[in-house]
Amino acid sequence: MQRLLAGLLLIGITGCRDDTGPLQLHLTAHEDGSLKQVSLNQRDIGNDDDSFEEIGLAVQQMSDDEDTTSNPERQVDIIADENLRFEFVHRAIEECVGHPATNTEADRGPIPKVRLFDPRAESEEDYPLGFFLYVPSQGEWADDAALPPLKLRLAANADGSLKGLTFGTRNLGDDERAFERLNLEMLKIIGRPDDVIMRELSVSIDADKSLPYQHVIEAIEACFGRLSEQSSRRGIYLKRIGFSGIGEWTAP
């Protein structure tokens, strides 16, 4: 049974949503990584195209709500089994922030605030910081931007296992230490975890959708920071971590 607790690293589901709370999505997996069930605010809604359409409708309803005093955050929390294929998490995120092929400046993302939690954590104390998905606006991730993103590529083998982790042009391997190498590479670039200026950098993750979600989580964790050996406090490297193709709207 997958270890899923609220308050984890990048996606969380804890009880029913009230008028001021976030929408809560829960994606469970079969043993082969296929989608078993999608739950919206603890209500099972299926595992097919209709379930994702229902997510989109719920997000749009939240986005259209003009009473920002009753729902000021407009936030979606997502939690997914670590063995779930990333394609399903990616699709859920798209339903939240919008589809880049059809978005315009006015509606590039209905709910740009999406939070993910680490499904591997045993308790909230293990991972005290949550990760919010970075949704860039027009031009922020262009190659000629003032601070172009650091590019991270996660490739999959035919069976969905990790084929390689590439940071920029450097191949960091495909073994269990690849993410540790990524963490060290990030520290080299940042210089020190408390450098406020360097936190303006962003990371664009391009992950094959057949990968288990756990590898995507490991990559985000490695980019975000490093846990202290003396405590559960994390030295933050940067917070602007997003996915290639998410939030990059195109003009009509």
Foldseek 3Di string as FASTA:
>chain_A
DFQAAALFAFFGQDAADDQADEWHWEWEADPLQQTDFIDIRNHTDGRDPVSLVVLLVVLVVLLPPPPCVRHVQSEYGYEYGQQHQQLVVVSSLCSAFHAQEPDAQVRLGSRQWYGYGQRRDNDNQLPVDTATAAADAEPCQDPPHPAHAFEWEFEADPSQATPFIDTRNDTQDRDPCSLVVLLVVLCVVQVFLPPPVQQVHAYEYEYDRSHRNNVVVSNVVSNQFAADPVGSDTRGSYRHYHYPRGNHHDHD
